[in-house]
Protein backbone atom coordinates (compact mmCIF):
# COMPACT_ATOMS: atom_id res chain seq x y z
CA UNK A 1 -132.87 -65.51 128.22
CA UNK A 2 -130.13 -63.07 129.18
CA UNK A 3 -131.16 -60.49 131.82
CA UNK A 4 -131.20 -56.83 130.85
CA UNK A 5 -128.41 -54.57 132.14
CA UNK A 6 -131.00 -52.90 134.37
CA UNK A 7 -132.00 -56.25 135.91
CA UNK A 8 -128.35 -57.14 136.52
CA UNK A 9 -127.65 -53.82 138.25
CA UNK A 10 -130.80 -54.02 140.38
CA UNK A 11 -129.89 -57.58 141.43
CA UNK A 12 -126.35 -56.60 142.45
CA UNK A 13 -127.55 -53.53 144.32
CA UNK A 14 -129.93 -55.74 146.30
CA UNK A 15 -127.20 -58.32 146.98
CA UNK A 16 -124.90 -55.62 148.36
CA UNK A 17 -127.60 -53.78 150.33
CA UNK A 18 -127.31 -50.66 148.21
CA UNK A 19 -129.92 -48.41 146.61
CA UNK A 20 -130.29 -46.61 143.31
CA UNK A 21 -129.34 -43.44 145.22
CA UNK A 22 -125.95 -45.06 145.93
CA UNK A 23 -125.69 -45.92 142.26
CA UNK A 24 -126.29 -42.30 141.21
CA UNK A 25 -122.89 -41.22 142.52
CA UNK A 26 -121.17 -43.68 140.16
CA UNK A 27 -123.34 -42.97 137.11
CA UNK A 28 -123.19 -39.19 137.24
CA UNK A 29 -126.34 -38.21 139.09
CA UNK A 30 -129.96 -39.13 139.65
CA UNK A 31 -131.19 -38.07 136.21
CA UNK A 32 -128.55 -40.18 134.46
CA UNK A 33 -129.44 -43.15 136.66
CA UNK A 34 -133.11 -42.67 135.81
CA UNK A 35 -132.31 -42.51 132.07
CA UNK A 36 -130.43 -45.82 132.34
CA UNK A 37 -133.23 -47.61 134.22
CA UNK A 38 -135.90 -46.23 131.87
CA UNK A 39 -133.95 -47.36 128.79
CA UNK A 40 -133.46 -43.83 127.50
CA UNK A 41 -129.65 -43.94 127.34
CA UNK A 42 -127.22 -46.85 127.46
CA UNK A 43 -124.29 -46.88 129.85
CA UNK A 44 -121.06 -45.21 128.77
CA UNK A 45 -117.74 -47.04 128.90
CA UNK A 46 -116.82 -45.01 132.01
CA UNK A 47 -120.06 -45.98 133.73
CA UNK A 48 -119.60 -49.64 132.85
CA UNK A 49 -116.11 -49.45 134.38
CA UNK A 50 -117.51 -47.86 137.54
CA UNK A 51 -120.17 -50.56 137.91
CA UNK A 52 -117.57 -53.25 137.39
CA UNK A 53 -115.34 -51.68 140.06
CA UNK A 54 -118.10 -51.03 142.63
CA UNK A 55 -120.45 -53.95 142.05
CA UNK A 56 -118.24 -56.53 140.35
CA UNK A 57 -120.48 -56.80 137.28
CA UNK A 58 -118.72 -58.08 134.13
CA UNK A 59 -118.89 -55.58 131.26
CA UNK A 60 -120.61 -58.03 128.90
CA UNK A 61 -123.65 -58.14 131.21
CA UNK A 62 -123.94 -54.35 131.08
CA UNK A 63 -123.84 -53.97 127.31
CA UNK A 64 -127.11 -54.31 125.48
CA UNK A 65 -126.33 -55.50 121.95
CA UNK A 66 -129.07 -56.02 119.38
CA UNK A 67 -128.79 -59.18 117.25
């Protein structure tokens, strides 16, 4: 089973020794980061690009498509 975007981001943060607070600066703040991790709002294209640039996560792992 494919991991969720949230699981992928958490894994990469751990691998790089970073925290969700570090992530907030790339996603547009703490509330936006919380919305992502709680499944309230998906990532925007800009945010996906930022995560790819900072954490090296391929875009397809950050997009949550329904079958």
